[in-house]
Amino acid sequence: MMTESRSQEEQEFLKNYDPARYERPSVTADVVIFTMDEDNELNVLLIKRGGHPFKDYWAIPGGFLEAGKESVDEAAARELYEETGVKVSDGIELRQLITVGAPDRDPRTHVVSVVYTALVPRGLLAIKAGDDASDARLFKVRRGYDEHGELSTYFVSSECSITMKHLAFDHGFLISTAIKRLQGRLSYTDDAFALLQDKSRFEIYELMKIHEAILFQKLDRSNFRKMFLRSLVDRQRVKEIGKYDAAGKPKTALYCYLERKDYDEN
């Protein structure tokens, strides 16, 4: 609202308003970044904290909002770029996942975090540790049984393996929430296409592998193909662009994803 449109009474109120009357929590923007690796496994980007609290613990990328200078969406986009070199203008969508604000989730002070997800083809990633991190790397997201015989999620890199409980703050819960949301959206959105290396040239098998990685289960190739042709080709979400012959094998169809701006996935 422009100043000239405010009443004299409201302008006087704002002039004398003291924000220190109310204790204000800190605000952060955190981003759960998923990609696919060359082994067709789902990966998440984690950073190793360079300072206290939780020094040397792994966490999702994030940082404090620069109050008065940026929106929370802009803060999330800044964090995405600082850790991956990827910009929202590259066609990457930052989607709000959840807002968490339990008073004891951060030992420093009351911190409210607005958490986002980003699905990024690995070819776009240029991973680097930010100023507050000592390391940054991709971890394979895997499911297995723990020492108590319970199914759990853990993370594996070439250097180490960690469990949810070894992540900083409540980031295990945030990643679990992001995975569940991604799994739930698979059946009615085009999220899986965001993880393709090239949406303009792909085969059905690559898309099936993305679904398998997100769902942590094997899918029947024939059934997936039928679903693909019925729900995507027939609805003109993708189109066949040609076929290729790999070393004398039967020709494999290549498809192109058709960007759609006239529907709401939320």
C-alpha atoms as a PDB file:
ATOM      1  CA  MET A   1       0.000   0.000   0.000  1.00  0.00           C
ATOM      2  CA  MET A   2       1.347   3.423  -0.958  1.00  0.00           C
ATOM      3  CA  THR A   3       1.954   5.938   1.835  1.00  0.00           C
ATOM      4  CA  GLU A   4      -0.350   8.530   0.287  1.00  0.00           C
ATOM      5  CA  SER A   5      -3.260   6.046   0.376  1.00  0.00           C
ATOM      6  CA  ARG A   6      -2.977   5.544   4.129  1.00  0.00           C
ATOM      7  CA  SER A   7      -5.064   7.572   6.513  1.00  0.00           C
ATOM      8  CA  GLN A   8      -3.400  10.161   8.698  1.00  0.00           C
ATOM      9  CA  GLU A   9      -4.320   8.082  11.707  1.00  0.00           C
ATOM     10  CA  GLU A  10      -2.620   4.966  10.273  1.00  0.00           C
ATOM     11  CA  GLN A  11       0.504   6.906   9.314  1.00  0.00           C
ATOM     12  CA  GLU A  12       0.771   8.225  12.845  1.00  0.00           C
ATOM     13  CA  PHE A  13       0.347   4.717  14.248  1.00  0.00           C
ATOM     14  CA  LEU A  14       3.133   3.337  12.015  1.00  0.00           C
ATOM     15  CA  LYS A  15       5.419   6.237  12.881  1.00  0.00           C
ATOM     16  CA  ASN A  16       5.174   5.434  16.577  1.00  0.00           C
ATOM     17  CA  TYR A  17       5.053   1.645  16.251  1.00  0.00           C
ATOM     18  CA  ASP A  18       7.785  -0.156  18.207  1.00  0.00           C
ATOM     19  CA  PRO A  19       8.547  -3.607  16.699  1.00  0.00           C
ATOM     20  CA  ALA A  20      10.652  -4.448  19.766  1.00  0.00           C
ATOM     21  CA  ARG A  21       7.437  -4.841  21.753  1.00  0.00           C
ATOM     22  CA  TYR A  22       7.073  -8.329  20.304  1.00  0.00           C
ATOM     23  CA  GLU A  23       9.796 -10.954  20.205  1.00  0.00           C
ATOM     24  CA  ARG A  24      10.413 -11.997  16.614  1.00  0.00           C
ATOM     25  CA  PRO A  25      11.744 -15.405  15.531  1.00  0.00           C
ATOM     26  CA  SER A  26      14.472 -15.765  12.938  1.00  0.00           C
ATOM     27  CA  VAL A  27      13.385 -17.031   9.503  1.00  0.00           C
ATOM     28  CA  THR A  28      15.276 -19.373   7.193  1.00  0.00           C
ATOM     29  CA  ALA A  29      14.672 -20.741   3.706  1.00  0.00           C
ATOM     30  CA  ASP A  30      15.770 -24.373   3.344  1.00  0.00           C
ATOM     31  CA  VAL A  31      15.792 -26.443   0.156  1.00  0.00           C
ATOM     32  CA  VAL A  32      15.548 -30.213  -0.313  1.00  0.00           C
ATOM     33  CA  ILE A  33      17.279 -30.769  -3.658  1.00  0.00           C
ATOM     34  CA  PHE A  34      16.702 -34.063  -5.469  1.00  0.00           C
ATOM     35  CA  THR A  35      18.399 -35.396  -8.589  1.00  0.00           C
ATOM     36  CA  MET A  36      19.052 -38.727 -10.304  1.00  0.00           C
ATOM     37  CA  ASP A  37      22.529 -40.214 -10.635  1.00  0.00           C
ATOM     38  CA  GLU A  38      24.131 -42.385 -13.299  1.00  0.00           C
ATOM     39  CA  ASP A  39      23.030 -45.498 -11.383  1.00  0.00           C
ATOM     40  CA  ASN A  40      19.377 -44.474 -11.711  1.00  0.00           C
ATOM     41  CA  GLU A  41      19.093 -43.811  -7.981  1.00  0.00           C
ATOM     42  CA  LEU A  42      17.454 -40.860  -6.288  1.00  0.00           C
ATOM     43  CA  ASN A  43      19.993 -38.474  -4.744  1.00  0.00           C
ATOM     44  CA  VAL A  44      19.667 -35.621  -2.264  1.00  0.00           C
ATOM     45  CA  LEU A  45      22.145 -32.779  -1.841  1.00  0.00           C
ATOM     46  CA  LEU A  46      23.521 -32.382   1.686  1.00  0.00           C
ATOM     47  CA  ILE A  47      25.984 -29.880   3.084  1.00  0.00           C
ATOM     48  CA  LYS A  48      28.348 -30.462   5.996  1.00  0.00           C
ATOM     49  CA  ARG A  49      27.975 -27.702   8.547  1.00  0.00           C
ATOM     50  CA  GLY A  50      31.169 -25.755   9.127  1.00  0.00           C
ATOM     51  CA  GLY A  51      30.180 -24.205  12.449  1.00  0.00           C
ATOM     52  CA  HIS A  52      28.073 -24.667  15.545  1.00  0.00           C
ATOM     53  CA  PRO A  53      25.425 -25.781  16.253  1.00  0.00           C
ATOM     54  CA  PHE A  54      25.636 -29.263  14.784  1.00  0.00           C
ATOM     55  CA  LYS A  55      29.153 -28.651  13.520  1.00  0.00           C
ATOM     56  CA  ASP A  56      30.267 -31.412  11.097  1.00  0.00           C
ATOM     57  CA  TYR A  57      26.714 -32.747  10.830  1.00  0.00           C
ATOM     58  CA  TRP A  58      25.087 -33.098   7.422  1.00  0.00           C
ATOM     59  CA  ALA A  59      22.082 -30.924   6.618  1.00  0.00           C
ATOM     60  CA  ILE A  60      19.969 -29.695   3.720  1.00  0.00           C
ATOM     61  CA  PRO A  61      21.074 -26.361   2.204  1.00  0.00           C
ATOM     62  CA  GLY A  62      19.505 -23.281   3.707  1.00  0.00           C
ATOM     63  CA  GLY A  63      20.131 -19.909   5.235  1.00  0.00           C
ATOM     64  CA  PHE A  64      18.660 -16.984   7.086  1.00  0.00           C
ATOM     65  CA  LEU A  65      16.339 -14.566   5.371  1.00  0.00           C
ATOM     66  CA  GLU A  66      17.899 -11.167   4.724  1.00  0.00           C
ATOM     67  CA  ALA A  67      15.039  -9.284   6.347  1.00  0.00           C
ATOM     68  CA  GLY A  68      13.925  -6.179   4.516  1.00  0.00           C
ATOM     69  CA  LYS A  69      15.964  -7.111   1.441  1.00  0.00           C
ATOM     70  CA  GLU A  70      14.378 -10.247   0.009  1.00  0.00           C
ATOM     71  CA  SER A  71      11.287 -12.419   0.120  1.00  0.00           C
ATOM     72  CA  VAL A  72      11.416 -15.991   1.406  1.00  0.00           C
ATOM     73  CA  ASP A  73      11.104 -17.226  -2.193  1.00  0.00           C
ATOM     74  CA  GLU A  74      14.090 -15.087  -3.164  1.00  0.00           C
ATOM     75  CA  ALA A  75      16.072 -16.410  -0.198  1.00  0.00           C
ATOM     76  CA  ALA A  76      15.371 -19.994  -1.303  1.00  0.00           C
ATOM     77  CA  ALA A  77      16.450 -19.174  -4.868  1.00  0.00           C
ATOM     78  CA  ARG A  78      19.646 -17.609  -3.504  1.00  0.00           C
ATOM     79  CA  GLU A  79      20.429 -20.715  -1.447  1.00  0.00           C
ATOM     80  CA  LEU A  80      19.777 -22.959  -4.444  1.00  0.00           C
ATOM     81  CA  TYR A  81      22.202 -20.955  -6.569  1.00  0.00           C
ATOM     82  CA  GLU A  82      24.911 -20.723  -3.895  1.00  0.00           C
ATOM     83  CA  GLU A  83      25.042 -24.496  -3.407  1.00  0.00           C
ATOM     84  CA  THR A  84      24.398 -25.749  -6.948  1.00  0.00           C
ATOM     85  CA  GLY A  85      25.008 -22.944  -9.430  1.00  0.00           C
ATOM     86  CA  VAL A  86      21.418 -23.455 -10.628  1.00  0.00           C
ATOM     87  CA  LYS A  87      19.073 -20.509 -11.065  1.00  0.00           C
ATOM     88  CA  VAL A  88      15.291 -20.531 -11.068  1.00  0.00           C
ATOM     89  CA  SER A  89      15.579 -18.899 -14.486  1.00  0.00           C
ATOM     90  CA  ASP A  90      17.143 -22.187 -15.691  1.00  0.00           C
ATOM     91  CA  GLY A  91      13.646 -23.646 -15.575  1.00  0.00           C
ATOM     92  CA  ILE A  92      13.918 -25.139 -12.085  1.00  0.00           C
ATOM     93  CA  GLU A  93      10.809 -24.842  -9.950  1.00  0.00           C
ATOM     94  CA  LEU A  94      11.127 -24.166  -6.235  1.00  0.00           C
ATOM     95  CA  ARG A  95       7.980 -25.507  -4.605  1.00  0.00           C
ATOM     96  CA  GLN A  96       7.080 -24.743  -0.997  1.00  0.00           C
ATOM     97  CA  LEU A  97       6.906 -27.984   0.961  1.00  0.00           C
ATOM     98  CA  ILE A  98       6.240 -27.107   4.588  1.00  0.00           C
ATOM     99  CA  THR A  99       6.791 -24.430   7.221  1.00  0.00           C
ATOM    100  CA  VAL A 100       8.183 -25.595  10.576  1.00  0.00           C
ATOM    101  CA  GLY A 101       8.541 -23.486  13.664  1.00  0.00           C
ATOM    102  CA  ALA A 102       8.749 -25.544  16.864  1.00  0.00           C
ATOM    103  CA  PRO A 103      10.441 -23.341  19.497  1.00  0.00           C
ATOM    104  CA  ASP A 104      13.113 -25.942  20.311  1.00  0.00           C
ATOM    105  CA  ARG A 105      14.073 -27.069  16.798  1.00  0.00           C
ATOM    106  CA  ASP A 106      17.172 -24.826  16.782  1.00  0.00           C
ATOM    107  CA  PRO A 107      19.256 -24.450  19.976  1.00  0.00           C
ATOM    108  CA  ARG A 108      20.283 -20.874  19.077  1.00  0.00           C
ATOM    109  CA  THR A 109      16.886 -19.214  19.073  1.00  0.00           C
ATOM    110  CA  HIS A 110      13.341 -19.654  17.819  1.00  0.00           C
ATOM    111  CA  VAL A 111      13.757 -20.286  14.081  1.00  0.00           C
ATOM    112  CA  VAL A 112      10.903 -20.624  11.606  1.00  0.00           C
ATOM    113  CA  SER A 113      11.937 -22.410   8.416  1.00  0.00           C
ATOM    114  CA  VAL A 114      10.094 -22.273   5.111  1.00  0.00           C
ATOM    115  CA  VAL A 115      11.149 -25.452   3.321  1.00  0.00           C
ATOM    116  CA  TYR A 116      11.182 -25.922  -0.457  1.00  0.00           C
ATOM    117  CA  THR A 117      11.860 -28.776  -2.841  1.00  0.00           C
ATOM    118  CA  ALA A 118      13.754 -28.568  -6.124  1.00  0.00           C
ATOM    119  CA  LEU A 119      14.022 -31.306  -8.752  1.00  0.00           C
ATOM    120  CA  VAL A 120      17.204 -30.767 -10.765  1.00  0.00           C
ATOM    121  CA  PRO A 121      18.714 -32.819 -13.629  1.00  0.00           C
ATOM    122  CA  ARG A 122      22.216 -33.793 -12.525  1.00  0.00           C
ATOM    123  CA  GLY A 123      23.747 -32.259 -15.640  1.00  0.00           C
ATOM    124  CA  LEU A 124      22.835 -28.794 -14.364  1.00  0.00           C
ATOM    125  CA  LEU A 125      24.424 -29.220 -10.948  1.00  0.00           C
ATOM    126  CA  ALA A 126      27.692 -27.491 -10.127  1.00  0.00           C
ATOM    127  CA  ILE A 127      27.888 -28.387  -6.452  1.00  0.00           C
ATOM    128  CA  LYS A 128      29.944 -26.212  -4.140  1.00  0.00           C
ATOM    129  CA  ALA A 129      29.943 -25.679  -0.390  1.00  0.00           C
ATOM    130  CA  GLY A 130      28.678 -22.275   0.700  1.00  0.00           C
ATOM    131  CA  ASP A 131      30.428 -20.003   3.178  1.00  0.00           C
ATOM    132  CA  ASP A 132      28.868 -21.749   6.181  1.00  0.00           C
ATOM    133  CA  ALA A 133      29.618 -25.293   4.986  1.00  0.00           C
ATOM    134  CA  SER A 134      32.805 -27.367   4.951  1.00  0.00           C
ATOM    135  CA  ASP A 135      31.579 -29.790   2.300  1.00  0.00           C
ATOM    136  CA  ALA A 136      28.679 -30.411  -0.065  1.00  0.00           C
ATOM    137  CA  ARG A 137      27.873 -33.592  -1.945  1.00  0.00           C
ATOM    138  CA  LEU A 138      25.157 -35.806  -3.339  1.00  0.00           C
ATOM    139  CA  PHE A 139      23.954 -38.794  -1.310  1.00  0.00           C
ATOM    140  CA  LYS A 140      22.047 -41.754  -2.692  1.00  0.00           C
ATOM    141  CA  VAL A 141      18.690 -42.086  -0.950  1.00  0.00           C
ATOM    142  CA  ARG A 142      18.095 -45.700   0.032  1.00  0.00           C
ATOM    143  CA  ARG A 143      15.633 -47.770   2.033  1.00  0.00           C
ATOM    144  CA  GLY A 144      16.621 -50.670   4.240  1.00  0.00           C
ATOM    145  CA  TYR A 145      16.080 -52.345   7.585  1.00  0.00           C
ATOM    146  CA  ASP A 146      17.830 -50.962  10.647  1.00  0.00           C
ATOM    147  CA  GLU A 147      19.207 -52.847  13.669  1.00  0.00           C
ATOM    148  CA  HIS A 148      15.689 -53.042  15.083  1.00  0.00           C
ATOM    149  CA  GLY A 149      14.284 -54.634  11.937  1.00  0.00           C
ATOM    150  CA  GLU A 150      12.358 -51.519  10.985  1.00  0.00           C
ATOM    151  CA  LEU A 151      12.291 -50.098   7.466  1.00  0.00           C
ATOM    152  CA  SER A 152      14.179 -46.790   7.365  1.00  0.00           C
ATOM    153  CA  THR A 153      15.758 -44.316   4.982  1.00  0.00           C
ATOM    154  CA  TYR A 154      19.500 -43.715   4.899  1.00  0.00           C
ATOM    155  CA  PHE A 155      21.980 -41.841   2.725  1.00  0.00           C
ATOM    156  CA  VAL A 156      25.103 -43.117   0.988  1.00  0.00           C
ATOM    157  CA  SER A 157      27.987 -41.283  -0.683  1.00  0.00           C
ATOM    158  CA  SER A 158      31.381 -42.491  -1.861  1.00  0.00           C
ATOM    159  CA  GLU A 159      32.838 -41.430   1.504  1.00  0.00           C
ATOM    160  CA  CYS A 160      30.232 -42.219   4.126  1.00  0.00           C
ATOM    161  CA  SER A 161      26.781 -43.503   5.026  1.00  0.00           C
ATOM    162  CA  ILE A 162      24.438 -41.692   7.399  1.00  0.00           C
ATOM    163  CA  THR A 163      20.979 -42.213   8.813  1.00  0.00           C
ATOM    164  CA  MET A 164      18.117 -39.781   9.363  1.00  0.00           C
ATOM    165  CA  LYS A 165      18.985 -39.378  13.045  1.00  0.00           C
ATOM    166  CA  HIS A 166      22.504 -38.218  12.173  1.00  0.00           C
ATOM    167  CA  LEU A 167      21.262 -35.171  10.263  1.00  0.00           C
ATOM    168  CA  ALA A 168      21.317 -31.690  11.803  1.00  0.00           C
ATOM    169  CA  PHE A 169      18.239 -30.074  13.370  1.00  0.00           C
ATOM    170  CA  ASP A 170      14.992 -31.712  12.189  1.00  0.00           C
ATOM    171  CA  HIS A 171      16.271 -32.202   8.647  1.00  0.00           C
ATOM    172  CA  GLY A 172      15.581 -35.941   8.705  1.00  0.00           C
ATOM    173  CA  PHE A 173      11.897 -35.152   9.127  1.00  0.00           C
ATOM    174  CA  LEU A 174      12.058 -32.542   6.368  1.00  0.00           C
ATOM    175  CA  ILE A 175      13.636 -34.950   3.877  1.00  0.00           C
ATOM    176  CA  SER A 176      11.132 -37.672   4.801  1.00  0.00           C
ATOM    177  CA  THR A 177       8.302 -35.213   4.238  1.00  0.00           C
ATOM    178  CA  ALA A 178       9.769 -34.197   0.868  1.00  0.00           C
ATOM    179  CA  ILE A 179      10.061 -37.828  -0.259  1.00  0.00           C
ATOM    180  CA  LYS A 180       6.486 -38.639   0.786  1.00  0.00           C
ATOM    181  CA  ARG A 181       5.202 -35.549  -1.018  1.00  0.00           C
ATOM    182  CA  LEU A 182       7.138 -36.463  -4.158  1.00  0.00           C
ATOM    183  CA  GLN A 183       5.820 -40.033  -4.053  1.00  0.00           C
ATOM    184  CA  GLY A 184       2.264 -38.816  -3.600  1.00  0.00           C
ATOM    185  CA  ARG A 185       2.494 -36.388  -6.517  1.00  0.00           C
ATOM    186  CA  LEU A 186       3.812 -38.930  -9.026  1.00  0.00           C
ATOM    187  CA  SER A 187       0.368 -40.190 -10.012  1.00  0.00           C
ATOM    188  CA  TYR A 188      -1.143 -36.812 -10.865  1.00  0.00           C
ATOM    189  CA  THR A 189       1.723 -34.450 -11.766  1.00  0.00           C
ATOM    190  CA  ASP A 190       4.643 -34.362 -14.180  1.00  0.00           C
ATOM    191  CA  ASP A 191       7.290 -34.161 -11.437  1.00  0.00           C
ATOM    192  CA  ALA A 192       9.223 -37.143 -12.794  1.00  0.00           C
ATOM    193  CA  PHE A 193       9.911 -35.276 -16.046  1.00  0.00           C
ATOM    194  CA  ALA A 194      11.835 -32.621 -14.101  1.00  0.00           C
ATOM    195  CA  LEU A 195      14.486 -35.244 -13.299  1.00  0.00           C
ATOM    196  CA  LEU A 196      15.055 -36.315 -16.906  1.00  0.00           C
ATOM    197  CA  GLN A 197      18.447 -35.410 -18.311  1.00  0.00           C
ATOM    198  CA  ASP A 198      16.817 -34.110 -21.479  1.00  0.00           C
ATOM    199  CA  LYS A 199      13.047 -33.608 -21.606  1.00  0.00           C
ATOM    200  CA  SER A 200      13.274 -33.060 -25.350  1.00  0.00           C
ATOM    201  CA  ARG A 201      14.746 -36.522 -26.010  1.00  0.00           C
ATOM    202  CA  PHE A 202      14.135 -39.494 -23.746  1.00  0.00           C
ATOM    203  CA  GLU A 203      12.852 -43.060 -23.785  1.00  0.00           C
ATOM    204  CA  ILE A 204      10.173 -44.666 -21.653  1.00  0.00           C
ATOM    205  CA  TYR A 205      12.729 -46.775 -19.758  1.00  0.00           C
ATOM    206  CA  GLU A 206      14.485 -43.676 -18.386  1.00  0.00           C
ATOM    207  CA  LEU A 207      11.211 -42.292 -17.063  1.00  0.00           C
ATOM    208  CA  MET A 208      10.351 -45.656 -15.510  1.00  0.00           C
ATOM    209  CA  LYS A 209      13.681 -45.697 -13.663  1.00  0.00           C
ATOM    210  CA  ILE A 210      12.863 -42.306 -12.155  1.00  0.00           C
ATOM    211  CA  HIS A 211       9.521 -43.634 -10.908  1.00  0.00           C
ATOM    212  CA  GLU A 212      11.237 -46.701  -9.442  1.00  0.00           C
ATOM    213  CA  ALA A 213      13.834 -44.575  -7.664  1.00  0.00           C
ATOM    214  CA  ILE A 214      11.213 -42.319  -6.088  1.00  0.00           C
ATOM    215  CA  LEU A 215       8.913 -45.188  -5.070  1.00  0.00           C
ATOM    216  CA  PHE A 216      11.778 -47.496  -3.974  1.00  0.00           C
ATOM    217  CA  GLN A 217      10.251 -50.400  -5.861  1.00  0.00           C
ATOM    218  CA  LYS A 218      10.563 -52.250  -9.144  1.00  0.00           C
ATOM    219  CA  LEU A 219       7.878 -51.660 -11.740  1.00  0.00           C
ATOM    220  CA  ASP A 220       6.659 -53.948 -14.492  1.00  0.00           C
ATOM    221  CA  ARG A 221       8.062 -52.607 -17.746  1.00  0.00           C
ATOM    222  CA  SER A 222       5.103 -53.671 -19.873  1.00  0.00           C
ATOM    223  CA  ASN A 223       2.541 -52.169 -17.487  1.00  0.00           C
ATOM    224  CA  PHE A 224       4.506 -48.942 -17.201  1.00  0.00           C
ATOM    225  CA  ARG A 225       4.651 -48.657 -20.981  1.00  0.00           C
ATOM    226  CA  LYS A 226       0.875 -49.096 -21.207  1.00  0.00           C
ATOM    227  CA  MET A 227       0.355 -46.450 -18.545  1.00  0.00           C
ATOM    228  CA  PHE A 228       2.772 -44.112 -20.313  1.00  0.00           C
ATOM    229  CA  LEU A 229       1.041 -44.451 -23.662  1.00  0.00           C
ATOM    230  CA  ARG A 230      -2.446 -44.194 -22.186  1.00  0.00           C
ATOM    231  CA  SER A 231      -1.996 -41.338 -19.711  1.00  0.00           C
ATOM    232  CA  LEU A 232       0.687 -39.274 -21.443  1.00  0.00           C
ATOM    233  CA  VAL A 233       0.773 -39.901 -25.185  1.00  0.00           C
ATOM    234  CA  ASP A 234      -2.993 -40.073 -25.575  1.00  0.00           C
ATOM    235  CA  ARG A 235      -3.384 -36.880 -23.534  1.00  0.00           C
ATOM    236  CA  GLN A 236      -0.739 -35.194 -25.702  1.00  0.00           C
ATOM    237  CA  ARG A 237       1.656 -34.592 -22.821  1.00  0.00           C
ATOM    238  CA  VAL A 238       4.474 -36.194 -24.799  1.00  0.00           C
ATOM    239  CA  LYS A 239       5.027 -36.977 -28.440  1.00  0.00           C
ATOM    240  CA  GLU A 240       7.155 -39.515 -30.253  1.00  0.00           C
ATOM    241  CA  ILE A 241      10.027 -37.857 -32.127  1.00  0.00           C
ATOM    242  CA  GLY A 242      11.692 -40.878 -33.720  1.00  0.00           C
ATOM    243  CA  LYS A 243      13.352 -44.202 -33.122  1.00  0.00           C
ATOM    244  CA  TYR A 244      16.922 -45.393 -32.907  1.00  0.00           C
ATOM    245  CA  ASP A 245      18.631 -48.724 -33.356  1.00  0.00           C
ATOM    246  CA  ALA A 246      21.292 -49.546 -30.762  1.00  0.00           C
ATOM    247  CA  ALA A 247      23.797 -52.120 -32.014  1.00  0.00           C
ATOM    248  CA  GLY A 248      21.317 -54.004 -34.109  1.00  0.00           C
ATOM    249  CA  LYS A 249      18.674 -54.189 -31.382  1.00  0.00           C
ATOM    250  CA  PRO A 250      15.005 -53.470 -32.050  1.00  0.00           C
ATOM    251  CA  LYS A 251      14.315 -49.807 -32.524  1.00  0.00           C
ATOM    252  CA  THR A 252      13.525 -47.837 -29.385  1.00  0.00           C
ATOM    253  CA  ALA A 253      11.092 -44.938 -29.485  1.00  0.00           C
ATOM    254  CA  LEU A 254      12.237 -41.507 -28.327  1.00  0.00           C
ATOM    255  CA  TYR A 255       9.834 -38.984 -26.868  1.00  0.00           C
ATOM    256  CA  CYS A 256       9.695 -35.264 -26.190  1.00  0.00           C
ATOM    257  CA  TYR A 257       7.894 -33.778 -23.202  1.00  0.00           C
ATOM    258  CA  LEU A 258       5.441 -31.053 -24.155  1.00  0.00           C
ATOM    259  CA  GLU A 259       5.574 -28.148 -21.731  1.00  0.00           C
ATOM    260  CA  ARG A 260       2.116 -27.181 -20.544  1.00  0.00           C
ATOM    261  CA  LYS A 261       1.290 -23.799 -19.041  1.00  0.00           C
ATOM    262  CA  ASP A 262      -2.480 -24.060 -19.012  1.00  0.00           C
ATOM    263  CA  TYR A 263      -3.081 -26.452 -16.141  1.00  0.00           C
ATOM    264  CA  ASP A 264      -2.649 -26.356 -12.375  1.00  0.00           C
ATOM    265  CA  GLU A 265      -0.719 -29.175 -10.711  1.00  0.00           C
ATOM    266  CA  ASN A 266      -1.162 -27.948  -7.155  1.00  0.00           C
END
